[in-house]
Every structure is written in structure tokens, then in C-alpha cells.
């Protein structure tokens, strides 16, 4: 089975979501189904149909979360010796060479990516371009708006 890189925070978030589905959502849906059945004929009972639909979605998400957690390879940068090299889990500060804008991204797992929150996936175009690079390296990234050139100004190990 392929291992999927994930930060400790991302792993904890998936575990919390799984726990919520198992301990809160699933029991609530079961209660909703029981209540809808108590109303009698279920052949034209929209409450029953809705609850069964939500049950299917919930069970699907539970299976998906269990699979992601089973294949997770939790990588903590606390276990690595700090350097100027970009690796999974670090925060990278860069300067856009065209606009002089400074940007800061943490390289995280696919499920953790949130560009607005400053987190990019290691498998994104910019994530791929950054991995293995060092401070002062120039990085050219193909974006939907065209090629952009960045210079890495800092690599931060630690939260």
C-alpha cells in the first residue's frame, strides 16, 4: 500500500473527524431512522429516505477517513535536523520576482492543503517545485496565470 505523507496536525484532524462521525453523526442518523420508521409506512416517507441517504454519506466518509489514516505516514519536522533545504512540513518564505511580493507557505499533505491559510500540498505544482530546493534558489512555477519566478528567502523548521 502506498503511504501518504501527512503532518501530525493533519493526522490529528482526520482522527477527530473520524471520531465525530463515529460517536456523534452515526448515532444521530440511527436515531433519525428509528424515528422515521416509527411514523409507519416507509415507502413514501421522505424523512426516512433523507436519513438513509445521510447514513450512506456518513458511512462512505467513515470508510474514506479510515483508509486515509491507515495509509498515512506521519512526518514530523521536529524529528529532522534544521537546514536551509525545503522538505515536507517546513514553512517556506519566498519573494515573487515580478511583483516583489513576499509569500509564506507550509508544505503539507494533500488533505491538509489550504492556500488561503498558507498551506500548500507537496504534490501541487509549487510544492513539487520547492521540495529539495534551498535558500536563495530561484524557483519557476507554472501557474494557471502563467509562469512565476520566486526566490526562496527562508526555510523555517518548526511550528
N, C-alpha and C. Protein backbone atom coordinates (compact mmCIF):
# COMPACT_ATOMS: atom_id res chain seq x y z
N UNK A 1 0.85 -1.17 0.00
CA UNK A 1 0.00 0.00 0.00
C UNK A 1 0.89 1.24 0.00
N UNK A 2 0.52 2.21 -0.80
CA UNK A 2 1.26 3.47 -0.85
C UNK A 2 1.02 4.25 0.44
N UNK A 3 2.07 4.83 0.95
CA UNK A 3 1.98 5.67 2.14
C UNK A 3 1.72 7.11 1.71
N UNK A 4 0.91 7.83 2.47
CA UNK A 4 0.57 9.21 2.16
C UNK A 4 1.16 10.12 3.23
N UNK A 5 2.09 11.02 2.84
CA UNK A 5 2.67 11.93 3.83
C UNK A 5 1.62 12.84 4.44
N UNK A 6 1.77 13.06 5.75
CA UNK A 6 0.81 13.88 6.48
C UNK A 6 1.52 14.47 7.69
N UNK A 7 1.18 15.70 8.03
CA UNK A 7 1.75 16.30 9.23
C UNK A 7 1.03 15.74 10.46
N UNK A 8 1.64 15.85 11.63
CA UNK A 8 0.93 15.39 12.84
C UNK A 8 -0.40 16.12 13.04
N UNK A 9 -0.45 17.41 12.69
CA UNK A 9 -1.69 18.17 12.83
C UNK A 9 -2.76 17.67 11.87
N UNK A 10 -2.37 17.35 10.65
CA UNK A 10 -3.31 16.82 9.68
C UNK A 10 -3.85 15.46 10.10
N UNK A 11 -2.98 14.63 10.65
CA UNK A 11 -3.37 13.31 11.14
C UNK A 11 -4.37 13.45 12.29
N UNK A 12 -4.08 14.37 13.20
CA UNK A 12 -4.98 14.60 14.34
C UNK A 12 -6.34 15.11 13.88
N UNK A 13 -6.35 15.96 12.86
CA UNK A 13 -7.62 16.48 12.35
C UNK A 13 -8.47 15.37 11.74
N UNK A 14 -7.83 14.46 10.99
CA UNK A 14 -8.58 13.34 10.40
C UNK A 14 -9.10 12.41 11.50
N UNK A 15 -8.29 12.18 12.53
CA UNK A 15 -8.75 11.34 13.65
C UNK A 15 -9.95 11.97 14.35
N UNK A 16 -9.90 13.29 14.54
CA UNK A 16 -11.01 13.99 15.20
C UNK A 16 -12.27 13.92 14.35
N UNK A 17 -12.11 14.06 13.04
CA UNK A 17 -13.28 13.97 12.16
C UNK A 17 -13.87 12.57 12.19
N UNK A 18 -13.01 11.55 12.18
CA UNK A 18 -13.50 10.17 12.25
C UNK A 18 -14.25 9.93 13.56
N UNK A 19 -13.68 10.39 14.65
CA UNK A 19 -14.33 10.24 15.96
C UNK A 19 -15.70 10.91 15.95
N UNK A 20 -15.80 12.10 15.38
CA UNK A 20 -17.07 12.83 15.31
C UNK A 20 -18.11 12.03 14.50
N UNK A 21 -17.66 11.48 13.38
CA UNK A 21 -18.59 10.69 12.55
C UNK A 21 -19.06 9.44 13.30
N UNK A 22 -18.13 8.77 13.99
CA UNK A 22 -18.47 7.53 14.69
C UNK A 22 -19.31 7.75 15.95
N UNK A 23 -18.98 8.80 16.70
CA UNK A 23 -19.60 8.98 18.01
C UNK A 23 -20.77 9.96 18.02
N UNK A 24 -20.86 10.84 17.02
CA UNK A 24 -21.93 11.83 17.02
C UNK A 24 -22.88 11.64 15.84
N UNK A 25 -22.33 11.72 14.61
CA UNK A 25 -23.19 11.68 13.44
C UNK A 25 -23.88 10.33 13.24
N UNK A 26 -23.11 9.24 13.29
CA UNK A 26 -23.69 7.92 13.06
C UNK A 26 -24.82 7.63 14.05
N UNK A 27 -24.62 7.79 15.36
CA UNK A 27 -25.73 7.51 16.30
C UNK A 27 -26.95 8.42 16.06
N UNK A 28 -26.72 9.67 15.69
CA UNK A 28 -27.84 10.58 15.43
C UNK A 28 -28.64 10.11 14.21
N UNK A 29 -27.96 9.66 13.18
CA UNK A 29 -28.64 9.17 11.98
C UNK A 29 -29.44 7.92 12.30
N UNK A 30 -28.88 7.03 13.12
CA UNK A 30 -29.61 5.82 13.52
C UNK A 30 -30.89 6.21 14.26
N UNK A 31 -30.79 7.20 15.16
CA UNK A 31 -31.99 7.66 15.87
C UNK A 31 -33.00 8.26 14.90
N UNK A 32 -32.52 9.01 13.91
CA UNK A 32 -33.41 9.61 12.91
C UNK A 32 -34.13 8.53 12.10
N UNK A 33 -33.42 7.48 11.75
CA UNK A 33 -34.03 6.37 11.00
C UNK A 33 -35.10 5.68 11.85
N UNK A 34 -34.78 5.42 13.12
CA UNK A 34 -35.75 4.78 14.02
C UNK A 34 -37.00 5.64 14.18
N UNK A 35 -36.80 6.95 14.30
CA UNK A 35 -37.94 7.86 14.45
C UNK A 35 -38.79 7.87 13.18
N UNK A 36 -38.16 7.90 12.04
CA UNK A 36 -38.90 7.91 10.77
C UNK A 36 -39.66 6.60 10.58
N UNK A 37 -39.07 5.48 10.98
CA UNK A 37 -39.76 4.18 10.88
C UNK A 37 -40.99 4.15 11.79
N UNK A 38 -40.88 4.82 12.92
CA UNK A 38 -41.99 4.82 13.87
C UNK A 38 -43.23 5.54 13.32
N UNK A 39 -43.05 6.33 12.28
CA UNK A 39 -44.16 7.05 11.67
C UNK A 39 -45.00 6.16 10.75
N UNK A 40 -44.59 4.90 10.62
CA UNK A 40 -45.38 3.98 9.81
C UNK A 40 -44.76 3.67 8.47
N UNK A 41 -45.58 3.63 7.42
CA UNK A 41 -45.17 3.26 6.07
C UNK A 41 -43.94 4.05 5.62
N UNK A 42 -42.87 3.31 5.31
CA UNK A 42 -41.63 3.99 4.90
C UNK A 42 -41.52 4.13 3.39
N UNK A 43 -42.46 3.57 2.64
CA UNK A 43 -42.35 3.62 1.19
C UNK A 43 -42.46 5.05 0.64
N UNK A 44 -43.18 5.93 1.31
CA UNK A 44 -43.30 7.32 0.87
C UNK A 44 -42.93 8.28 2.01
N UNK A 45 -41.98 7.86 2.82
CA UNK A 45 -41.58 8.64 3.98
C UNK A 45 -40.29 9.40 3.65
N UNK A 46 -40.42 10.71 3.40
CA UNK A 46 -39.25 11.49 2.99
C UNK A 46 -38.22 11.61 4.13
N UNK A 47 -38.67 11.61 5.38
CA UNK A 47 -37.74 11.66 6.50
C UNK A 47 -36.86 10.41 6.52
N UNK A 48 -37.48 9.27 6.27
CA UNK A 48 -36.74 8.01 6.23
C UNK A 48 -35.75 8.01 5.08
N UNK A 49 -36.19 8.43 3.90
CA UNK A 49 -35.30 8.47 2.73
C UNK A 49 -34.11 9.40 2.97
N UNK A 50 -34.39 10.56 3.57
CA UNK A 50 -33.33 11.51 3.87
C UNK A 50 -32.32 10.92 4.86
N UNK A 51 -32.82 10.29 5.90
CA UNK A 51 -31.94 9.69 6.91
C UNK A 51 -31.10 8.56 6.30
N UNK A 52 -31.71 7.76 5.45
CA UNK A 52 -30.95 6.66 4.80
C UNK A 52 -29.87 7.23 3.87
N UNK A 53 -30.20 8.33 3.18
CA UNK A 53 -29.22 8.98 2.31
C UNK A 53 -28.06 9.51 3.14
N UNK A 54 -28.37 10.20 4.25
CA UNK A 54 -27.31 10.72 5.13
C UNK A 54 -26.48 9.58 5.72
N UNK A 55 -27.13 8.46 6.00
CA UNK A 55 -26.40 7.31 6.53
C UNK A 55 -25.38 6.80 5.51
N UNK A 56 -25.78 6.73 4.26
CA UNK A 56 -24.86 6.28 3.21
C UNK A 56 -23.67 7.22 3.07
N UNK A 57 -23.93 8.54 3.11
CA UNK A 57 -22.85 9.51 3.02
C UNK A 57 -21.91 9.40 4.23
N UNK A 58 -22.49 9.25 5.39
CA UNK A 58 -21.70 9.14 6.62
C UNK A 58 -20.82 7.89 6.60
N UNK A 59 -21.40 6.77 6.22
CA UNK A 59 -20.63 5.52 6.17
C UNK A 59 -19.52 5.59 5.12
N UNK A 60 -19.81 6.25 4.01
CA UNK A 60 -18.78 6.44 2.98
C UNK A 60 -17.63 7.28 3.49
N UNK A 61 -17.95 8.35 4.21
CA UNK A 61 -16.90 9.22 4.76
C UNK A 61 -16.09 8.49 5.83
N UNK A 62 -16.75 7.69 6.65
CA UNK A 62 -16.04 6.91 7.66
C UNK A 62 -15.04 5.97 6.99
N UNK A 63 -15.47 5.28 5.94
CA UNK A 63 -14.58 4.37 5.22
C UNK A 63 -13.41 5.13 4.61
N UNK A 64 -13.70 6.31 4.04
CA UNK A 64 -12.65 7.13 3.43
C UNK A 64 -11.64 7.57 4.48
N UNK A 65 -12.12 8.04 5.62
CA UNK A 65 -11.22 8.50 6.69
C UNK A 65 -10.37 7.35 7.23
N UNK A 66 -10.98 6.19 7.42
CA UNK A 66 -10.22 5.03 7.90
C UNK A 66 -9.12 4.66 6.91
N UNK A 67 -9.43 4.73 5.62
CA UNK A 67 -8.43 4.42 4.60
C UNK A 67 -7.28 5.42 4.60
N UNK A 68 -7.62 6.71 4.72
CA UNK A 68 -6.58 7.75 4.75
C UNK A 68 -5.69 7.59 5.97
N UNK A 69 -6.29 7.30 7.12
CA UNK A 69 -5.50 7.13 8.33
C UNK A 69 -4.63 5.87 8.26
N UNK A 70 -5.16 4.82 7.63
CA UNK A 70 -4.38 3.59 7.51
C UNK A 70 -3.16 3.76 6.61
N UNK A 71 -3.29 4.62 5.59
CA UNK A 71 -2.17 4.81 4.66
C UNK A 71 -1.28 5.99 5.03
N UNK A 72 -1.62 6.68 6.12
CA UNK A 72 -0.87 7.89 6.50
C UNK A 72 0.54 7.57 6.97
N UNK A 73 1.47 8.37 6.51
CA UNK A 73 2.83 8.35 7.03
C UNK A 73 3.04 9.71 7.68
N UNK A 74 2.95 9.73 9.00
CA UNK A 74 3.05 10.99 9.73
C UNK A 74 4.52 11.41 9.77
N UNK A 75 4.77 12.60 9.25
CA UNK A 75 6.12 13.14 9.20
C UNK A 75 6.17 14.39 10.05
N UNK A 76 6.99 14.34 11.09
CA UNK A 76 7.15 15.48 11.97
C UNK A 76 8.51 16.12 11.71
N UNK A 77 8.52 17.41 11.41
CA UNK A 77 9.79 18.08 11.16
C UNK A 77 10.58 18.25 12.45
N UNK A 78 9.92 18.01 13.58
CA UNK A 78 10.65 18.06 14.86
C UNK A 78 11.70 16.96 14.92
N UNK A 79 11.52 15.91 14.13
CA UNK A 79 12.46 14.79 14.11
C UNK A 79 13.63 15.03 13.17
N UNK A 80 13.59 16.13 12.41
CA UNK A 80 14.62 16.40 11.41
C UNK A 80 15.56 17.50 11.89
N UNK A 81 16.80 17.43 11.44
CA UNK A 81 17.75 18.48 11.75
C UNK A 81 17.49 19.66 10.82
N UNK A 82 17.36 20.84 11.41
CA UNK A 82 17.06 22.04 10.62
C UNK A 82 18.20 22.36 9.66
N UNK A 83 17.82 22.80 8.46
CA UNK A 83 18.79 23.22 7.46
C UNK A 83 18.12 24.26 6.56
N UNK A 84 18.77 24.62 5.48
CA UNK A 84 18.16 25.56 4.54
C UNK A 84 17.47 24.84 3.40
N UNK A 85 17.29 23.54 3.54
CA UNK A 85 16.68 22.72 2.48
C UNK A 85 15.17 22.58 2.70
N UNK A 86 14.41 22.70 1.62
CA UNK A 86 12.95 22.57 1.69
C UNK A 86 12.58 21.09 1.68
N UNK A 87 11.87 20.68 2.74
CA UNK A 87 11.37 19.31 2.85
C UNK A 87 9.91 19.37 3.31
N UNK A 88 9.24 18.25 3.27
CA UNK A 88 7.85 18.15 3.70
C UNK A 88 7.72 18.67 5.13
N UNK A 89 6.73 19.54 5.36
CA UNK A 89 6.43 20.02 6.70
C UNK A 89 7.02 21.37 7.06
N UNK A 90 8.00 21.85 6.28
CA UNK A 90 8.62 23.14 6.62
C UNK A 90 7.76 24.29 6.10
N UNK A 91 8.07 25.47 6.62
CA UNK A 91 7.45 26.69 6.11
C UNK A 91 8.50 27.38 5.25
N UNK A 92 8.07 27.80 4.06
CA UNK A 92 8.98 28.43 3.10
C UNK A 92 8.55 29.87 2.87
N UNK A 93 9.49 30.77 3.00
CA UNK A 93 9.23 32.17 2.66
C UNK A 93 9.91 32.45 1.33
N UNK A 94 9.17 33.13 0.44
CA UNK A 94 9.67 33.39 -0.91
C UNK A 94 9.32 34.80 -1.33
N UNK A 95 10.05 35.27 -2.32
CA UNK A 95 9.76 36.57 -2.91
C UNK A 95 9.44 36.37 -4.38
N UNK A 96 8.27 36.88 -4.80
CA UNK A 96 7.87 36.83 -6.20
C UNK A 96 8.74 37.84 -6.95
N UNK A 97 9.49 37.39 -7.94
CA UNK A 97 10.44 38.24 -8.64
C UNK A 97 9.78 39.28 -9.53
N UNK A 98 8.53 39.05 -9.90
CA UNK A 98 7.83 40.01 -10.76
C UNK A 98 7.16 41.12 -9.95
N UNK A 99 6.59 40.75 -8.80
CA UNK A 99 5.81 41.73 -8.02
C UNK A 99 6.51 42.18 -6.73
N UNK A 100 7.62 41.54 -6.39
CA UNK A 100 8.33 41.78 -5.13
C UNK A 100 7.48 41.42 -3.91
N UNK A 101 6.38 40.72 -4.14
CA UNK A 101 5.51 40.28 -3.04
C UNK A 101 6.19 39.13 -2.30
N UNK A 102 6.08 39.15 -0.97
CA UNK A 102 6.61 38.07 -0.15
C UNK A 102 5.46 37.13 0.19
N UNK A 103 5.68 35.84 0.00
CA UNK A 103 4.68 34.84 0.32
C UNK A 103 5.29 33.82 1.27
N UNK A 104 4.40 33.18 2.03
CA UNK A 104 4.86 32.21 3.03
C UNK A 104 3.91 31.02 2.97
N UNK A 105 4.46 29.83 2.74
CA UNK A 105 3.66 28.62 2.67
C UNK A 105 4.29 27.51 3.50
N UNK A 106 3.43 26.72 4.11
CA UNK A 106 3.88 25.49 4.76
C UNK A 106 3.55 24.35 3.82
N UNK A 107 4.48 23.43 3.64
CA UNK A 107 4.27 22.30 2.74
C UNK A 107 3.67 21.15 3.55
N UNK A 108 2.46 20.75 3.17
CA UNK A 108 1.68 19.78 3.93
C UNK A 108 1.16 18.67 3.02
N UNK A 109 0.41 17.74 3.61
CA UNK A 109 -0.21 16.66 2.86
C UNK A 109 -1.37 17.15 2.01
N UNK A 110 -1.78 16.33 1.08
CA UNK A 110 -2.84 16.69 0.13
C UNK A 110 -4.13 17.10 0.81
N UNK A 111 -4.55 16.36 1.84
CA UNK A 111 -5.81 16.65 2.52
C UNK A 111 -5.74 17.87 3.42
N UNK A 112 -4.54 18.35 3.69
CA UNK A 112 -4.36 19.49 4.60
C UNK A 112 -4.26 20.82 3.86
N UNK A 113 -4.09 20.78 2.55
CA UNK A 113 -3.84 21.99 1.77
C UNK A 113 -4.95 23.02 1.95
N UNK A 114 -4.53 24.27 2.12
CA UNK A 114 -5.44 25.40 2.28
C UNK A 114 -4.63 26.64 1.90
N UNK A 115 -4.66 27.00 0.62
CA UNK A 115 -3.83 28.08 0.12
C UNK A 115 -4.11 29.38 0.88
N UNK A 116 -5.37 29.66 1.13
CA UNK A 116 -5.72 30.89 1.85
C UNK A 116 -5.14 30.87 3.26
N UNK A 117 -4.98 29.68 3.83
CA UNK A 117 -4.41 29.53 5.17
C UNK A 117 -2.90 29.36 5.16
N UNK A 118 -2.29 29.49 3.98
CA UNK A 118 -0.83 29.40 3.88
C UNK A 118 -0.29 27.99 3.86
N UNK A 119 -1.12 27.02 3.47
CA UNK A 119 -0.69 25.63 3.42
C UNK A 119 -0.85 25.11 1.99
N UNK A 120 0.24 24.60 1.42
CA UNK A 120 0.17 24.03 0.07
C UNK A 120 0.57 22.57 0.12
N UNK A 121 -0.01 21.80 -0.76
CA UNK A 121 0.28 20.38 -0.85
C UNK A 121 1.65 20.15 -1.46
N UNK A 122 2.32 19.13 -0.96
CA UNK A 122 3.62 18.74 -1.52
C UNK A 122 3.47 18.30 -2.97
N UNK A 123 2.25 17.91 -3.37
CA UNK A 123 2.04 17.42 -4.73
C UNK A 123 1.52 18.50 -5.68
N UNK A 124 1.33 19.71 -5.17
CA UNK A 124 0.90 20.83 -6.02
C UNK A 124 2.09 21.26 -6.88
N UNK A 125 1.83 21.98 -7.96
CA UNK A 125 2.95 22.43 -8.80
C UNK A 125 4.02 23.20 -8.02
N UNK A 126 3.59 24.11 -7.16
CA UNK A 126 4.57 24.89 -6.40
C UNK A 126 5.25 24.02 -5.34
N UNK A 127 4.49 23.11 -4.73
CA UNK A 127 5.07 22.20 -3.74
C UNK A 127 6.15 21.32 -4.36
N UNK A 128 5.84 20.78 -5.53
CA UNK A 128 6.82 19.94 -6.25
C UNK A 128 8.07 20.74 -6.61
N UNK A 129 7.85 21.99 -7.02
CA UNK A 129 8.99 22.83 -7.43
C UNK A 129 9.88 23.19 -6.24
N UNK A 130 9.29 23.26 -5.05
CA UNK A 130 10.06 23.69 -3.87
C UNK A 130 10.83 22.56 -3.19
N UNK A 131 10.27 21.36 -3.16
CA UNK A 131 10.91 20.25 -2.45
C UNK A 131 12.34 20.05 -2.97
N UNK A 132 13.28 20.00 -2.03
CA UNK A 132 14.68 19.77 -2.37
C UNK A 132 15.48 21.03 -2.65
N UNK A 133 14.79 22.16 -2.78
CA UNK A 133 15.49 23.42 -3.05
C UNK A 133 16.03 24.00 -1.75
N UNK A 134 16.84 25.06 -1.89
CA UNK A 134 17.47 25.68 -0.73
C UNK A 134 17.27 27.20 -0.74
N UNK A 135 17.60 27.83 0.37
CA UNK A 135 17.53 29.29 0.47
C UNK A 135 18.37 29.90 -0.64
N UNK A 136 17.87 30.95 -1.25
CA UNK A 136 18.46 31.70 -2.36
C UNK A 136 18.29 31.02 -3.72
N UNK A 137 17.67 29.83 -3.75
CA UNK A 137 17.38 29.19 -5.04
C UNK A 137 16.24 29.91 -5.73
N UNK A 138 16.33 30.00 -7.04
CA UNK A 138 15.25 30.55 -7.85
C UNK A 138 14.36 29.40 -8.29
N UNK A 139 13.06 29.58 -8.14
CA UNK A 139 12.10 28.53 -8.46
C UNK A 139 11.10 29.08 -9.47
N UNK A 140 10.96 28.39 -10.61
CA UNK A 140 9.99 28.79 -11.63
C UNK A 140 8.82 27.81 -11.55
N UNK A 141 7.61 28.38 -11.43
CA UNK A 141 6.42 27.56 -11.28
C UNK A 141 5.41 27.94 -12.35
N UNK A 142 4.87 26.92 -13.00
CA UNK A 142 3.80 27.13 -13.98
C UNK A 142 2.48 27.21 -13.22
N UNK A 143 1.84 28.37 -13.25
CA UNK A 143 0.56 28.56 -12.58
C UNK A 143 -0.52 28.77 -13.64
N UNK A 144 -1.79 28.73 -13.25
CA UNK A 144 -2.84 28.97 -14.23
C UNK A 144 -2.69 30.33 -14.92
N UNK A 145 -2.08 31.29 -14.23
CA UNK A 145 -1.89 32.62 -14.81
C UNK A 145 -0.59 32.76 -15.59
N UNK A 146 0.16 31.69 -15.73
CA UNK A 146 1.44 31.72 -16.43
C UNK A 146 2.59 31.40 -15.49
N UNK A 147 3.80 31.47 -16.02
CA UNK A 147 4.98 31.15 -15.21
C UNK A 147 5.26 32.27 -14.22
N UNK A 148 5.62 31.86 -13.00
CA UNK A 148 6.01 32.81 -11.96
C UNK A 148 7.36 32.37 -11.42
N UNK A 149 8.18 33.34 -11.11
CA UNK A 149 9.51 33.05 -10.58
C UNK A 149 9.60 33.57 -9.15
N UNK A 150 10.06 32.70 -8.27
CA UNK A 150 10.23 33.04 -6.86
C UNK A 150 11.68 32.79 -6.47
N UNK A 151 12.12 33.50 -5.44
CA UNK A 151 13.41 33.21 -4.81
C UNK A 151 13.11 32.84 -3.37
N UNK A 152 13.65 31.70 -2.93
CA UNK A 152 13.44 31.25 -1.57
C UNK A 152 14.27 32.13 -0.63
N UNK A 153 13.61 32.78 0.32
CA UNK A 153 14.33 33.68 1.24
C UNK A 153 14.55 33.05 2.62
N UNK A 154 13.72 32.06 2.99
CA UNK A 154 13.91 31.42 4.28
C UNK A 154 13.20 30.07 4.30
N UNK A 155 13.75 29.14 5.06
CA UNK A 155 13.14 27.84 5.30
C UNK A 155 13.06 27.69 6.81
N UNK A 156 11.85 27.52 7.31
CA UNK A 156 11.63 27.50 8.75
C UNK A 156 11.19 26.11 9.20
N UNK A 157 12.03 25.51 10.04
CA UNK A 157 11.71 24.23 10.65
C UNK A 157 11.06 24.53 12.00
N UNK A 158 9.92 24.00 12.23
CA UNK A 158 9.23 24.26 13.48
C UNK A 158 7.92 24.96 13.20
N UNK A 159 7.07 24.89 14.19
CA UNK A 159 5.71 25.43 14.00
C UNK A 159 5.66 26.92 14.04
